[in-house]
Amino acid sequence: MAILHVKTEQQLVEEAQKGKPIFLNFWAPWCGPCQMFANVLNEIDEDLQDKIQIVKVNSDESPELAAIFEVQGIPHSRLVIGNSMSEPLVGALPYEQLKDVLEQYLATLD
């Protein structure tokens, strides 16, 4: 499944209603670490696409969503499952570290 880009709360709600865990990533085009993290997210999408949906939000285009999720700095990410969400992951995590975090969290769902 491809990485989705959403701009509104309604789009995010619709995606969440599909039932698949969401890795929500806030970013901006001017953010260097965000650009590096985008490559990591592409790899994660290839490896975990059957288990998780990656959703990206440009915080410059969607400041209201950034406010809802209390984004203070970017990249800022959270795992969202239904009405619950993880603590924020702030910064560009390396591939292996992010994959480990996601797999540990997903294992709690089984």
N, C-alpha and C. Protein backbone atom coordinates (compact mmCIF):
# COMPACT_ATOMS: atom_id res chain seq x y z
N MET A 1 0.85 -1.18 0.00
CA MET A 1 0.00 0.00 0.00
C MET A 1 0.89 1.24 0.00
N ALA A 2 0.51 2.23 -0.69
CA ALA A 2 1.31 3.45 -0.82
C ALA A 2 1.15 4.35 0.40
N ILE A 3 2.14 5.20 0.59
CA ILE A 3 2.06 6.21 1.63
C ILE A 3 0.99 7.22 1.23
N LEU A 4 0.11 7.54 2.17
CA LEU A 4 -0.96 8.50 1.91
C LEU A 4 -0.56 9.88 2.41
N HIS A 5 -1.06 10.90 1.75
CA HIS A 5 -0.87 12.28 2.18
C HIS A 5 -2.25 12.85 2.45
N VAL A 6 -2.47 13.32 3.67
CA VAL A 6 -3.77 13.91 4.02
C VAL A 6 -3.59 15.36 4.42
N LYS A 7 -4.67 16.12 4.26
CA LYS A 7 -4.64 17.54 4.60
C LYS A 7 -5.68 17.92 5.64
N THR A 8 -6.68 17.06 5.84
CA THR A 8 -7.77 17.42 6.74
C THR A 8 -8.00 16.35 7.81
N GLU A 9 -8.64 16.78 8.88
CA GLU A 9 -9.00 15.85 9.94
C GLU A 9 -9.96 14.79 9.40
N GLN A 10 -10.87 15.18 8.54
CA GLN A 10 -11.84 14.24 7.97
C GLN A 10 -11.14 13.14 7.19
N GLN A 11 -10.14 13.49 6.39
CA GLN A 11 -9.40 12.48 5.64
C GLN A 11 -8.71 11.50 6.59
N LEU A 12 -8.16 12.02 7.66
CA LEU A 12 -7.49 11.16 8.64
C LEU A 12 -8.49 10.25 9.34
N VAL A 13 -9.64 10.78 9.71
CA VAL A 13 -10.68 9.98 10.36
C VAL A 13 -11.13 8.86 9.43
N GLU A 14 -11.34 9.17 8.16
CA GLU A 14 -11.76 8.16 7.19
C GLU A 14 -10.73 7.05 7.08
N GLU A 15 -9.47 7.40 7.09
CA GLU A 15 -8.41 6.38 7.01
C GLU A 15 -8.38 5.54 8.28
N ALA A 16 -8.54 6.18 9.43
CA ALA A 16 -8.53 5.46 10.71
C ALA A 16 -9.69 4.47 10.80
N GLN A 17 -10.82 4.82 10.20
CA GLN A 17 -12.00 3.95 10.27
C GLN A 17 -11.80 2.65 9.48
N LYS A 18 -10.79 2.59 8.66
CA LYS A 18 -10.52 1.36 7.90
C LYS A 18 -9.96 0.27 8.80
N GLY A 19 -9.51 0.64 10.00
CA GLY A 19 -9.11 -0.35 10.98
C GLY A 19 -7.63 -0.71 11.01
N LYS A 20 -6.89 -0.29 10.03
CA LYS A 20 -5.46 -0.61 9.99
C LYS A 20 -4.71 0.41 10.84
N PRO A 21 -3.72 -0.04 11.63
CA PRO A 21 -2.92 0.93 12.38
C PRO A 21 -2.28 1.96 11.44
N ILE A 22 -2.20 3.18 11.92
CA ILE A 22 -1.66 4.28 11.12
C ILE A 22 -0.39 4.80 11.77
N PHE A 23 0.66 4.94 10.97
CA PHE A 23 1.85 5.66 11.42
C PHE A 23 1.72 7.06 10.83
N LEU A 24 1.43 8.02 11.69
CA LEU A 24 1.15 9.39 11.28
C LEU A 24 2.42 10.21 11.41
N ASN A 25 2.84 10.82 10.30
CA ASN A 25 4.09 11.59 10.27
C ASN A 25 3.83 13.02 9.82
N PHE A 26 4.20 13.97 10.69
CA PHE A 26 4.13 15.39 10.35
C PHE A 26 5.49 15.84 9.86
N TRP A 27 5.49 16.59 8.77
CA TRP A 27 6.73 17.00 8.12
C TRP A 27 6.52 18.34 7.43
N ALA A 28 7.58 18.88 6.85
CA ALA A 28 7.49 20.09 6.02
C ALA A 28 8.59 20.02 4.96
N PRO A 29 8.35 20.60 3.79
CA PRO A 29 9.32 20.49 2.70
C PRO A 29 10.66 21.17 2.98
N TRP A 30 10.69 22.14 3.88
CA TRP A 30 11.92 22.86 4.19
C TRP A 30 12.75 22.17 5.27
N CYS A 31 12.23 21.10 5.85
CA CYS A 31 12.86 20.41 6.99
C CYS A 31 13.82 19.33 6.50
N GLY A 32 15.11 19.55 6.69
CA GLY A 32 16.12 18.58 6.26
C GLY A 32 15.95 17.20 6.88
N PRO A 33 15.81 17.10 8.21
CA PRO A 33 15.60 15.78 8.82
C PRO A 33 14.33 15.09 8.30
N CYS A 34 13.31 15.87 7.97
CA CYS A 34 12.08 15.28 7.41
C CYS A 34 12.36 14.61 6.07
N GLN A 35 13.20 15.23 5.27
CA GLN A 35 13.54 14.66 3.97
C GLN A 35 14.30 13.35 4.14
N MET A 36 15.23 13.31 5.10
CA MET A 36 15.96 12.07 5.38
C MET A 36 15.01 11.00 5.89
N PHE A 37 14.09 11.39 6.77
CA PHE A 37 13.14 10.44 7.35
C PHE A 37 12.18 9.90 6.29
N ALA A 38 11.92 10.68 5.26
CA ALA A 38 11.04 10.22 4.17
C ALA A 38 11.59 8.95 3.53
N ASN A 39 12.91 8.87 3.38
CA ASN A 39 13.52 7.67 2.82
C ASN A 39 13.31 6.47 3.73
N VAL A 40 13.43 6.69 5.04
CA VAL A 40 13.18 5.62 6.01
C VAL A 40 11.73 5.16 5.92
N LEU A 41 10.81 6.11 5.83
CA LEU A 41 9.39 5.76 5.74
C LEU A 41 9.08 4.97 4.48
N ASN A 42 9.74 5.29 3.38
CA ASN A 42 9.55 4.51 2.15
C ASN A 42 9.98 3.06 2.35
N GLU A 43 11.09 2.85 3.05
CA GLU A 43 11.55 1.48 3.33
C GLU A 43 10.58 0.76 4.27
N ILE A 44 10.12 1.46 5.29
CA ILE A 44 9.16 0.87 6.23
C ILE A 44 7.88 0.50 5.50
N ASP A 45 7.44 1.36 4.61
CA ASP A 45 6.22 1.08 3.84
C ASP A 45 6.38 -0.20 3.03
N GLU A 46 7.54 -0.40 2.43
CA GLU A 46 7.78 -1.63 1.66
C GLU A 46 7.74 -2.86 2.55
N ASP A 47 8.32 -2.76 3.75
CA ASP A 47 8.44 -3.91 4.64
C ASP A 47 7.18 -4.22 5.45
N LEU A 48 6.43 -3.19 5.83
CA LEU A 48 5.29 -3.40 6.73
C LEU A 48 3.96 -2.98 6.13
N GLN A 49 3.88 -2.88 4.82
CA GLN A 49 2.66 -2.36 4.19
C GLN A 49 1.42 -3.19 4.47
N ASP A 50 1.59 -4.48 4.77
CA ASP A 50 0.43 -5.30 5.07
C ASP A 50 -0.04 -5.14 6.52
N LYS A 51 0.78 -4.47 7.36
CA LYS A 51 0.45 -4.34 8.78
C LYS A 51 0.12 -2.92 9.21
N ILE A 52 0.57 -1.94 8.44
CA ILE A 52 0.44 -0.55 8.88
C ILE A 52 0.27 0.36 7.67
N GLN A 53 -0.46 1.44 7.87
CA GLN A 53 -0.61 2.47 6.82
C GLN A 53 0.17 3.70 7.25
N ILE A 54 1.09 4.14 6.42
CA ILE A 54 1.82 5.37 6.70
C ILE A 54 1.03 6.53 6.11
N VAL A 55 0.78 7.53 6.96
CA VAL A 55 0.05 8.73 6.55
C VAL A 55 0.91 9.94 6.87
N LYS A 56 1.15 10.76 5.86
CA LYS A 56 1.98 11.95 6.04
C LYS A 56 1.11 13.20 5.99
N VAL A 57 1.48 14.18 6.84
CA VAL A 57 0.78 15.46 6.90
C VAL A 57 1.82 16.56 6.81
N ASN A 58 1.69 17.42 5.80
CA ASN A 58 2.55 18.59 5.69
C ASN A 58 2.04 19.60 6.71
N SER A 59 2.84 19.84 7.75
CA SER A 59 2.38 20.70 8.84
C SER A 59 2.19 22.15 8.41
N ASP A 60 2.86 22.57 7.34
CA ASP A 60 2.65 23.93 6.82
C ASP A 60 1.28 24.06 6.15
N GLU A 61 0.84 23.00 5.47
CA GLU A 61 -0.45 23.03 4.77
C GLU A 61 -1.62 22.68 5.68
N SER A 62 -1.34 22.01 6.80
CA SER A 62 -2.41 21.56 7.70
C SER A 62 -2.09 21.91 9.15
N PRO A 63 -2.00 23.21 9.45
CA PRO A 63 -1.65 23.59 10.82
C PRO A 63 -2.70 23.16 11.85
N GLU A 64 -3.96 23.01 11.42
CA GLU A 64 -4.99 22.59 12.35
C GLU A 64 -4.77 21.15 12.80
N LEU A 65 -4.33 20.28 11.89
CA LEU A 65 -4.01 18.90 12.28
C LEU A 65 -2.79 18.88 13.19
N ALA A 66 -1.80 19.69 12.86
CA ALA A 66 -0.60 19.77 13.70
C ALA A 66 -0.98 20.21 15.12
N ALA A 67 -1.92 21.12 15.24
CA ALA A 67 -2.36 21.58 16.56
C ALA A 67 -3.09 20.48 17.31
N ILE A 68 -3.95 19.74 16.63
CA ILE A 68 -4.68 18.65 17.27
C ILE A 68 -3.72 17.64 17.88
N PHE A 69 -2.64 17.34 17.16
CA PHE A 69 -1.68 16.34 17.62
C PHE A 69 -0.51 16.96 18.40
N GLU A 70 -0.66 18.23 18.77
CA GLU A 70 0.30 18.93 19.61
C GLU A 70 1.73 18.85 19.07
N VAL A 71 1.86 19.08 17.78
CA VAL A 71 3.17 19.05 17.13
C VAL A 71 3.94 20.31 17.52
N GLN A 72 5.08 20.11 18.16
CA GLN A 72 5.94 21.23 18.57
C GLN A 72 7.15 21.36 17.66
N GLY A 73 7.60 20.24 17.09
CA GLY A 73 8.74 20.22 16.19
C GLY A 73 8.57 19.08 15.21
N ILE A 74 9.29 19.14 14.12
CA ILE A 74 9.16 18.10 13.10
C ILE A 74 10.54 17.56 12.74
N PRO A 75 10.61 16.32 12.28
CA PRO A 75 9.50 15.37 12.09
C PRO A 75 8.91 14.92 13.43
N HIS A 76 7.61 14.75 13.42
CA HIS A 76 6.84 14.36 14.60
C HIS A 76 5.92 13.23 14.14
N SER A 77 5.99 12.09 14.82
CA SER A 77 5.20 10.94 14.39
C SER A 77 4.49 10.30 15.57
N ARG A 78 3.39 9.64 15.27
CA ARG A 78 2.62 8.88 16.27
C ARG A 78 2.02 7.66 15.58
N LEU A 79 1.86 6.61 16.34
CA LEU A 79 1.13 5.45 15.88
C LEU A 79 -0.29 5.58 16.38
N VAL A 80 -1.26 5.52 15.47
CA VAL A 80 -2.67 5.70 15.81
C VAL A 80 -3.42 4.42 15.50
N ILE A 81 -4.12 3.92 16.52
CA ILE A 81 -4.95 2.73 16.33
C ILE A 81 -6.31 3.03 16.93
N GLY A 82 -7.31 3.15 16.07
CA GLY A 82 -8.64 3.49 16.55
C GLY A 82 -8.62 4.84 17.24
N ASN A 83 -9.04 4.86 18.50
CA ASN A 83 -9.07 6.10 19.28
C ASN A 83 -7.84 6.28 20.16
N SER A 84 -6.88 5.37 20.06
CA SER A 84 -5.69 5.50 20.90
C SER A 84 -4.47 5.82 20.04
N MET A 85 -3.48 6.45 20.70
CA MET A 85 -2.26 6.77 19.97
C MET A 85 -1.07 6.68 20.90
N SER A 86 0.07 6.43 20.29
CA SER A 86 1.32 6.31 21.03
C SER A 86 1.81 7.69 21.46
N GLU A 87 2.81 7.67 22.31
CA GLU A 87 3.53 8.90 22.62
C GLU A 87 4.21 9.36 21.34
N PRO A 88 4.48 10.65 21.21
CA PRO A 88 5.11 11.11 19.98
C PRO A 88 6.55 10.63 19.84
N LEU A 89 6.91 10.35 18.61
CA LEU A 89 8.30 10.09 18.24
C LEU A 89 8.76 11.34 17.53
N VAL A 90 9.72 12.04 18.12
CA VAL A 90 10.18 13.30 17.53
C VAL A 90 11.58 13.10 16.99
N GLY A 91 11.77 13.52 15.76
CA GLY A 91 13.06 13.38 15.12
C GLY A 91 13.04 12.29 14.06
N ALA A 92 14.13 12.22 13.32
CA ALA A 92 14.26 11.24 12.25
C ALA A 92 14.95 10.00 12.79
N LEU A 93 14.19 8.96 13.05
CA LEU A 93 14.76 7.72 13.56
C LEU A 93 15.41 6.92 12.44
N PRO A 94 16.49 6.20 12.75
CA PRO A 94 17.06 5.30 11.75
C PRO A 94 16.09 4.15 11.45
N TYR A 95 16.24 3.56 10.29
CA TYR A 95 15.34 2.50 9.82
C TYR A 95 15.17 1.39 10.86
N GLU A 96 16.27 0.80 11.31
CA GLU A 96 16.18 -0.35 12.22
C GLU A 96 15.47 0.02 13.52
N GLN A 97 15.76 1.19 14.05
CA GLN A 97 15.12 1.62 15.30
C GLN A 97 13.62 1.80 15.11
N LEU A 98 13.22 2.45 14.02
CA LEU A 98 11.80 2.65 13.77
C LEU A 98 11.10 1.32 13.53
N LYS A 99 11.71 0.44 12.77
CA LYS A 99 11.09 -0.85 12.50
C LYS A 99 10.90 -1.63 13.80
N ASP A 100 11.91 -1.60 14.68
CA ASP A 100 11.79 -2.29 15.97
C ASP A 100 10.65 -1.71 16.80
N VAL A 101 10.56 -0.39 16.87
CA VAL A 101 9.49 0.26 17.63
C VAL A 101 8.12 -0.15 17.09
N LEU A 102 7.97 -0.10 15.77
CA LEU A 102 6.68 -0.44 15.17
C LEU A 102 6.33 -1.91 15.37
N GLU A 103 7.30 -2.80 15.19
CA GLU A 103 7.02 -4.23 15.35
C GLU A 103 6.67 -4.56 16.80
N GLN A 104 7.34 -3.91 17.76
CA GLN A 104 7.00 -4.14 19.17
C GLN A 104 5.57 -3.68 19.45
N TYR A 105 5.21 -2.53 18.95
CA TYR A 105 3.87 -2.01 19.17
C TYR A 105 2.82 -2.88 18.49
N LEU A 106 3.10 -3.30 17.27
CA LEU A 106 2.15 -4.13 16.54
C LEU A 106 1.99 -5.50 17.19
N ALA A 107 3.04 -6.00 17.83
CA ALA A 107 2.97 -7.30 18.50
C ALA A 107 1.98 -7.28 19.65
N THR A 108 1.76 -6.12 20.24
CA THR A 108 0.80 -6.02 21.35
C THR A 108 -0.64 -6.14 20.85
N LEU A 109 -0.83 -6.01 19.55
CA LEU A 109 -2.19 -6.08 18.99
C LEU A 109 -2.62 -7.50 18.67
N ASP A 110 -1.65 -8.39 18.54
CA ASP A 110 -1.97 -9.78 18.16
C ASP A 110 -2.63 -10.55 19.27
